[in-house]
Amino acid sequence: MILKDIMTSDIASLNSSDSIQKAAKLMAQYNIGSVPICENKQVVGIVTDRDIALRSVADGKDVNQQKVGDIMTKDVVTGSPSMNVHEAAKLMSDKQIRRIPVVQNNSLVGMVSLGDISLQPQLQDNAEKALSNISLPFK
């Protein structure tokens, strides 16, 4: 099975100049934990609910004034639509991440989360193993 088979293709994204408040509202609206940050459909970062909590709110920053570009992760791990799901689960485990943007021809085409992987009965062991490694202290 490949990522194209399980990815979510209707993706909400922001650009780096959008406010953190806008990111949080988008996460609440779509019940998601991360938003890819794109410039002309090219992924330049990703911001998570954890980023907002730890890199903004915990530091006492004004979420109305601070931009997602200030707190986003810039070194984004991505996959391709043709990537094997087992390979993606291992990548998530190794990098200790829960979601990866799916990119084709330098453009965002989807997102895959551990939740997407765990919904496939034949892949549940991969998701469980990845999650157990993600929960360990970072190496």
N, C-alpha and C. Protein backbone atom coordinates (compact mmCIF):
# COMPACT_ATOMS: atom_id res chain seq x y z
N MET A 1 0.85 -1.17 0.00
CA MET A 1 0.00 0.00 0.00
C MET A 1 0.90 1.24 0.00
N ILE A 2 0.46 2.28 -0.69
CA ILE A 2 1.25 3.51 -0.80
C ILE A 2 0.48 4.68 -0.15
N LEU A 3 1.19 5.77 0.09
CA LEU A 3 0.58 6.91 0.77
C LEU A 3 -0.63 7.47 0.03
N LYS A 4 -0.57 7.44 -1.29
CA LYS A 4 -1.70 7.96 -2.08
C LYS A 4 -3.00 7.26 -1.71
N ASP A 5 -2.91 5.99 -1.30
CA ASP A 5 -4.10 5.20 -0.96
C ASP A 5 -4.75 5.63 0.36
N ILE A 6 -3.99 6.24 1.26
CA ILE A 6 -4.53 6.56 2.58
C ILE A 6 -4.46 8.04 2.94
N MET A 7 -3.79 8.85 2.14
CA MET A 7 -3.60 10.25 2.50
C MET A 7 -4.90 11.05 2.40
N THR A 8 -4.95 12.10 3.18
CA THR A 8 -6.02 13.08 3.07
C THR A 8 -5.57 14.09 2.02
N SER A 9 -6.40 14.31 1.02
CA SER A 9 -5.97 15.19 -0.06
C SER A 9 -6.59 16.58 -0.02
N ASP A 10 -7.61 16.77 0.81
CA ASP A 10 -8.21 18.09 0.97
C ASP A 10 -7.54 18.75 2.17
N ILE A 11 -6.48 19.51 1.92
CA ILE A 11 -5.60 20.01 2.97
C ILE A 11 -5.78 21.50 3.20
N ALA A 12 -5.92 21.86 4.46
CA ALA A 12 -5.90 23.27 4.83
C ALA A 12 -4.45 23.65 5.07
N SER A 13 -4.04 24.79 4.55
CA SER A 13 -2.66 25.25 4.76
C SER A 13 -2.66 26.76 5.00
N LEU A 14 -1.54 27.25 5.48
CA LEU A 14 -1.36 28.66 5.73
C LEU A 14 -0.06 29.12 5.10
N ASN A 15 0.18 30.43 5.09
CA ASN A 15 1.50 30.91 4.68
C ASN A 15 2.21 31.45 5.91
N SER A 16 3.50 31.65 5.81
CA SER A 16 4.31 31.98 6.99
C SER A 16 3.95 33.33 7.61
N SER A 17 3.27 34.19 6.90
CA SER A 17 2.90 35.49 7.46
C SER A 17 1.55 35.47 8.17
N ASP A 18 0.86 34.33 8.17
CA ASP A 18 -0.42 34.24 8.89
C ASP A 18 -0.17 34.21 10.39
N SER A 19 -1.16 34.66 11.15
CA SER A 19 -1.01 34.72 12.61
C SER A 19 -1.15 33.33 13.23
N ILE A 20 -0.60 33.21 14.41
CA ILE A 20 -0.74 31.97 15.17
C ILE A 20 -2.19 31.76 15.54
N GLN A 21 -2.89 32.84 15.83
CA GLN A 21 -4.31 32.72 16.14
C GLN A 21 -5.06 32.10 14.96
N LYS A 22 -4.73 32.52 13.75
CA LYS A 22 -5.37 31.95 12.56
C LYS A 22 -5.08 30.46 12.45
N ALA A 23 -3.85 30.07 12.77
CA ALA A 23 -3.49 28.64 12.74
C ALA A 23 -4.31 27.87 13.76
N ALA A 24 -4.43 28.40 14.97
CA ALA A 24 -5.20 27.73 16.01
C ALA A 24 -6.68 27.62 15.63
N LYS A 25 -7.23 28.66 15.05
CA LYS A 25 -8.63 28.62 14.61
C LYS A 25 -8.83 27.57 13.51
N LEU A 26 -7.88 27.48 12.60
CA LEU A 26 -7.95 26.49 11.53
C LEU A 26 -7.90 25.07 12.10
N MET A 27 -7.02 24.87 13.09
CA MET A 27 -6.93 23.56 13.73
C MET A 27 -8.23 23.20 14.42
N ALA A 28 -8.83 24.17 15.10
CA ALA A 28 -10.11 23.93 15.77
C ALA A 28 -11.22 23.65 14.76
N GLN A 29 -11.26 24.43 13.70
CA GLN A 29 -12.31 24.29 12.68
C GLN A 29 -12.28 22.91 12.03
N TYR A 30 -11.08 22.41 11.72
CA TYR A 30 -10.96 21.14 11.02
C TYR A 30 -10.59 19.97 11.92
N ASN A 31 -10.49 20.23 13.23
CA ASN A 31 -10.13 19.20 14.20
C ASN A 31 -8.83 18.49 13.82
N ILE A 32 -7.79 19.30 13.59
CA ILE A 32 -6.49 18.79 13.19
C ILE A 32 -5.43 19.30 14.15
N GLY A 33 -4.29 18.63 14.19
CA GLY A 33 -3.23 19.00 15.11
C GLY A 33 -2.04 19.67 14.47
N SER A 34 -2.07 19.79 13.14
CA SER A 34 -0.96 20.46 12.46
C SER A 34 -1.45 21.07 11.16
N VAL A 35 -0.72 22.09 10.73
CA VAL A 35 -1.05 22.76 9.48
C VAL A 35 0.25 22.97 8.70
N PRO A 36 0.29 22.51 7.45
CA PRO A 36 1.47 22.80 6.64
C PRO A 36 1.51 24.28 6.27
N ILE A 37 2.72 24.81 6.23
CA ILE A 37 2.92 26.20 5.86
C ILE A 37 3.51 26.20 4.45
N CYS A 38 2.82 26.85 3.53
CA CYS A 38 3.20 26.80 2.11
C CYS A 38 3.40 28.19 1.53
N GLU A 39 4.28 28.25 0.60
CA GLU A 39 4.44 29.43 -0.25
C GLU A 39 4.31 28.91 -1.68
N ASN A 40 3.28 29.36 -2.38
CA ASN A 40 3.00 28.89 -3.75
C ASN A 40 2.91 27.36 -3.82
N LYS A 41 2.16 26.77 -2.89
CA LYS A 41 1.92 25.32 -2.81
C LYS A 41 3.15 24.52 -2.39
N GLN A 42 4.30 25.16 -2.23
CA GLN A 42 5.51 24.46 -1.80
C GLN A 42 5.60 24.51 -0.28
N VAL A 43 5.79 23.35 0.35
CA VAL A 43 5.86 23.27 1.81
C VAL A 43 7.17 23.89 2.29
N VAL A 44 7.05 24.91 3.15
CA VAL A 44 8.23 25.57 3.72
C VAL A 44 8.31 25.36 5.22
N GLY A 45 7.27 24.77 5.79
CA GLY A 45 7.26 24.51 7.23
C GLY A 45 6.00 23.79 7.64
N ILE A 46 5.92 23.52 8.93
CA ILE A 46 4.71 22.93 9.49
C ILE A 46 4.58 23.45 10.91
N VAL A 47 3.36 23.74 11.33
CA VAL A 47 3.12 24.20 12.70
C VAL A 47 2.11 23.25 13.33
N THR A 48 2.39 22.88 14.57
CA THR A 48 1.52 21.95 15.30
C THR A 48 0.91 22.66 16.50
N ASP A 49 -0.11 22.02 17.05
CA ASP A 49 -0.72 22.55 18.27
C ASP A 49 0.32 22.61 19.39
N ARG A 50 1.23 21.67 19.40
CA ARG A 50 2.31 21.67 20.40
C ARG A 50 3.25 22.86 20.19
N ASP A 51 3.54 23.19 18.93
CA ASP A 51 4.37 24.37 18.65
C ASP A 51 3.72 25.63 19.22
N ILE A 52 2.42 25.74 19.01
CA ILE A 52 1.69 26.91 19.50
C ILE A 52 1.79 26.97 21.03
N ALA A 53 1.57 25.83 21.67
CA ALA A 53 1.60 25.80 23.13
C ALA A 53 2.99 26.11 23.68
N LEU A 54 4.02 25.47 23.12
CA LEU A 54 5.35 25.58 23.70
C LEU A 54 6.17 26.76 23.19
N ARG A 55 6.03 27.10 21.91
CA ARG A 55 6.87 28.15 21.33
C ARG A 55 6.21 29.52 21.34
N SER A 56 4.96 29.58 21.72
CA SER A 56 4.27 30.87 21.73
C SER A 56 3.59 31.13 23.07
N VAL A 57 2.56 30.36 23.38
CA VAL A 57 1.77 30.62 24.58
C VAL A 57 2.61 30.48 25.84
N ALA A 58 3.38 29.42 25.95
CA ALA A 58 4.19 29.21 27.16
C ALA A 58 5.22 30.31 27.36
N ASP A 59 5.63 30.93 26.27
CA ASP A 59 6.59 32.04 26.36
C ASP A 59 5.90 33.39 26.57
N GLY A 60 4.56 33.37 26.67
CA GLY A 60 3.83 34.61 26.90
C GLY A 60 3.70 35.51 25.69
N LYS A 61 3.88 34.94 24.50
CA LYS A 61 3.80 35.73 23.27
C LYS A 61 2.34 36.06 22.94
N ASP A 62 2.12 37.11 22.18
CA ASP A 62 0.79 37.52 21.74
C ASP A 62 0.46 36.77 20.45
N VAL A 63 -0.44 35.80 20.54
CA VAL A 63 -0.76 34.97 19.38
C VAL A 63 -1.44 35.75 18.27
N ASN A 64 -1.94 36.95 18.58
CA ASN A 64 -2.55 37.78 17.54
C ASN A 64 -1.49 38.49 16.71
N GLN A 65 -0.34 38.71 17.30
CA GLN A 65 0.73 39.45 16.63
C GLN A 65 1.81 38.55 16.06
N GLN A 66 2.05 37.43 16.68
CA GLN A 66 3.13 36.53 16.24
C GLN A 66 2.69 35.75 15.00
N LYS A 67 3.62 35.53 14.10
CA LYS A 67 3.34 34.83 12.84
C LYS A 67 3.74 33.36 12.93
N VAL A 68 3.06 32.51 12.16
CA VAL A 68 3.40 31.09 12.19
C VAL A 68 4.84 30.86 11.73
N GLY A 69 5.34 31.73 10.88
CA GLY A 69 6.73 31.61 10.44
C GLY A 69 7.72 31.74 11.58
N ASP A 70 7.30 32.37 12.68
CA ASP A 70 8.17 32.54 13.85
C ASP A 70 8.31 31.25 14.66
N ILE A 71 7.33 30.36 14.58
CA ILE A 71 7.36 29.17 15.44
C ILE A 71 7.33 27.85 14.67
N MET A 72 7.16 27.92 13.36
CA MET A 72 7.03 26.68 12.57
C MET A 72 8.34 25.90 12.54
N THR A 73 8.20 24.61 12.31
CA THR A 73 9.36 23.75 12.05
C THR A 73 9.69 23.92 10.58
N LYS A 74 10.93 24.29 10.30
CA LYS A 74 11.32 24.58 8.91
C LYS A 74 11.89 23.37 8.20
N ASP A 75 12.48 22.45 8.93
CA ASP A 75 13.08 21.26 8.33
C ASP A 75 12.01 20.17 8.31
N VAL A 76 11.11 20.25 7.33
CA VAL A 76 9.94 19.38 7.28
C VAL A 76 10.27 18.05 6.61
N VAL A 77 9.87 16.97 7.27
CA VAL A 77 10.00 15.64 6.71
C VAL A 77 8.76 15.41 5.85
N THR A 78 8.96 15.06 4.58
CA THR A 78 7.83 14.85 3.68
C THR A 78 7.89 13.45 3.07
N GLY A 79 6.79 13.06 2.48
CA GLY A 79 6.70 11.82 1.73
C GLY A 79 6.18 12.11 0.34
N SER A 80 6.18 11.08 -0.48
CA SER A 80 5.63 11.21 -1.84
C SER A 80 4.41 10.31 -1.95
N PRO A 81 3.51 10.57 -2.89
CA PRO A 81 2.33 9.73 -3.03
C PRO A 81 2.66 8.26 -3.27
N SER A 82 3.81 8.00 -3.89
CA SER A 82 4.18 6.61 -4.20
C SER A 82 4.99 5.94 -3.09
N MET A 83 5.23 6.65 -1.99
CA MET A 83 6.00 6.06 -0.87
C MET A 83 5.20 4.94 -0.22
N ASN A 84 5.87 3.85 0.08
CA ASN A 84 5.25 2.72 0.76
C ASN A 84 4.85 3.14 2.18
N VAL A 85 3.67 2.71 2.61
CA VAL A 85 3.16 3.10 3.92
C VAL A 85 4.07 2.58 5.04
N HIS A 86 4.63 1.39 4.88
CA HIS A 86 5.54 0.85 5.90
C HIS A 86 6.77 1.75 6.04
N GLU A 87 7.27 2.23 4.91
CA GLU A 87 8.42 3.13 4.90
C GLU A 87 8.06 4.45 5.59
N ALA A 88 6.86 4.95 5.34
CA ALA A 88 6.42 6.19 5.97
C ALA A 88 6.29 6.01 7.48
N ALA A 89 5.76 4.89 7.92
CA ALA A 89 5.62 4.62 9.36
C ALA A 89 6.99 4.54 10.02
N LYS A 90 7.94 3.94 9.34
CA LYS A 90 9.30 3.86 9.89
C LYS A 90 9.93 5.25 9.95
N LEU A 91 9.70 6.05 8.92
CA LEU A 91 10.21 7.42 8.90
C LEU A 91 9.63 8.23 10.07
N MET A 92 8.33 8.09 10.29
CA MET A 92 7.69 8.79 11.40
C MET A 92 8.29 8.34 12.73
N SER A 93 8.51 7.05 12.86
CA SER A 93 9.10 6.50 14.07
C SER A 93 10.51 7.02 14.28
N ASP A 94 11.33 6.95 13.24
CA ASP A 94 12.73 7.40 13.34
C ASP A 94 12.84 8.89 13.65
N LYS A 95 11.97 9.69 13.05
CA LYS A 95 12.03 11.15 13.22
C LYS A 95 11.16 11.64 14.39
N GLN A 96 10.43 10.71 15.01
CA GLN A 96 9.53 11.00 16.13
C GLN A 96 8.50 12.07 15.77
N ILE A 97 7.81 11.85 14.66
CA ILE A 97 6.75 12.75 14.22
C ILE A 97 5.47 11.96 13.97
N ARG A 98 4.34 12.62 14.04
CA ARG A 98 3.04 11.96 13.92
C ARG A 98 2.36 12.18 12.58
N ARG A 99 2.86 13.15 11.80
CA ARG A 99 2.23 13.47 10.52
C ARG A 99 3.30 13.86 9.51
N ILE A 100 3.03 13.55 8.24
CA ILE A 100 3.94 14.02 7.19
C ILE A 100 3.14 14.58 6.02
N PRO A 101 3.57 15.74 5.53
CA PRO A 101 2.97 16.26 4.29
C PRO A 101 3.40 15.37 3.13
N VAL A 102 2.51 15.19 2.19
CA VAL A 102 2.80 14.41 0.98
C VAL A 102 2.97 15.41 -0.16
N VAL A 103 4.13 15.33 -0.81
CA VAL A 103 4.53 16.31 -1.82
C VAL A 103 4.81 15.62 -3.15
N GLN A 104 4.33 16.23 -4.22
CA GLN A 104 4.61 15.75 -5.57
C GLN A 104 4.95 16.96 -6.43
N ASN A 105 6.06 16.88 -7.16
CA ASN A 105 6.52 18.00 -8.00
C ASN A 105 6.61 19.29 -7.19
N ASN A 106 7.15 19.19 -5.98
CA ASN A 106 7.34 20.33 -5.07
C ASN A 106 6.04 20.98 -4.59
N SER A 107 4.90 20.33 -4.80
CA SER A 107 3.62 20.88 -4.35
C SER A 107 2.95 19.95 -3.35
N LEU A 108 2.32 20.54 -2.34
CA LEU A 108 1.57 19.78 -1.35
C LEU A 108 0.36 19.13 -2.00
N VAL A 109 0.24 17.81 -1.86
CA VAL A 109 -0.90 17.10 -2.43
C VAL A 109 -1.69 16.32 -1.38
N GLY A 110 -1.15 16.22 -0.15
CA GLY A 110 -1.85 15.47 0.89
C GLY A 110 -1.12 15.49 2.21
N MET A 111 -1.75 14.84 3.19
CA MET A 111 -1.16 14.66 4.52
C MET A 111 -1.47 13.24 4.95
N VAL A 112 -0.52 12.66 5.67
CA VAL A 112 -0.72 11.33 6.26
C VAL A 112 -0.33 11.41 7.73
N SER A 113 -1.19 10.86 8.57
CA SER A 113 -0.91 10.83 10.01
C SER A 113 -0.83 9.38 10.47
N LEU A 114 -0.32 9.20 11.69
CA LEU A 114 -0.33 7.86 12.27
C LEU A 114 -1.76 7.34 12.38
N GLY A 115 -2.70 8.25 12.60
CA GLY A 115 -4.10 7.86 12.65
C GLY A 115 -4.57 7.27 11.34
N ASP A 116 -4.15 7.86 10.23
CA ASP A 116 -4.51 7.31 8.91
C ASP A 116 -3.96 5.91 8.74
N ILE A 117 -2.73 5.72 9.20
CA ILE A 117 -2.09 4.40 9.08
C ILE A 117 -2.79 3.39 9.99
N SER A 118 -3.14 3.81 11.20
CA SER A 118 -3.74 2.89 12.16
C SER A 118 -5.15 2.45 11.76
N LEU A 119 -5.81 3.21 10.88
CA LEU A 119 -7.14 2.83 10.42
C LEU A 119 -7.13 1.63 9.48
N GLN A 120 -5.96 1.30 8.95
CA GLN A 120 -5.82 0.16 8.05
C GLN A 120 -5.47 -1.06 8.90
N PRO A 121 -6.37 -2.05 8.98
CA PRO A 121 -6.13 -3.21 9.85
C PRO A 121 -4.76 -3.87 9.63
N GLN A 122 -4.34 -3.97 8.39
CA GLN A 122 -3.07 -4.64 8.11
C GLN A 122 -1.86 -3.78 8.46
N LEU A 123 -2.08 -2.52 8.84
CA LEU A 123 -0.98 -1.61 9.14
C LEU A 123 -0.95 -1.18 10.61
N GLN A 124 -1.87 -1.69 11.42
CA GLN A 124 -1.96 -1.24 12.81
C GLN A 124 -0.67 -1.48 13.58
N ASP A 125 0.02 -2.59 13.31
CA ASP A 125 1.28 -2.86 14.01
C ASP A 125 2.31 -1.79 13.70
N ASN A 126 2.34 -1.32 12.44
CA ASN A 126 3.28 -0.25 12.06
C ASN A 126 2.99 1.02 12.84
N ALA A 127 1.72 1.37 12.93
CA ALA A 127 1.34 2.59 13.64
C ALA A 127 1.67 2.47 15.13
N GLU A 128 1.41 1.32 15.73
CA GLU A 128 1.70 1.12 17.14
C GLU A 128 3.20 1.22 17.41
N LYS A 129 4.00 0.62 16.54
CA LYS A 129 5.45 0.66 16.72
C LYS A 129 5.96 2.09 16.57
N ALA A 130 5.46 2.79 15.55
CA ALA A 130 5.88 4.18 15.34
C ALA A 130 5.51 5.03 16.54
N LEU A 131 4.29 4.88 17.05
CA LEU A 131 3.85 5.68 18.18
C LEU A 131 4.67 5.38 19.43
N SER A 132 5.02 4.12 19.65
CA SER A 132 5.82 3.80 20.83
C SER A 132 7.20 4.45 20.74
N ASN A 133 7.77 4.54 19.54
CA ASN A 133 9.07 5.19 19.37
C ASN A 133 8.96 6.71 19.47
N ILE A 134 7.84 7.26 19.00
CA ILE A 134 7.63 8.71 19.08
C ILE A 134 7.52 9.13 20.53
N SER A 135 6.95 8.28 21.35
CA SER A 135 6.74 8.61 22.76
C SER A 135 8.02 8.52 23.60
N LEU A 136 9.10 7.98 23.04
CA LEU A 136 10.36 7.91 23.75
C LEU A 136 11.05 9.27 23.73
N PRO A 137 11.94 9.53 24.68
CA PRO A 137 12.71 10.78 24.63
C PRO A 137 13.49 10.83 23.32
N PHE A 138 13.60 12.03 22.73
CA PHE A 138 14.28 12.19 21.44
C PHE A 138 15.74 11.83 21.56
N LYS A 139 16.24 11.16 20.53
CA LYS A 139 17.63 10.67 20.53
C LYS A 139 18.58 11.78 20.15
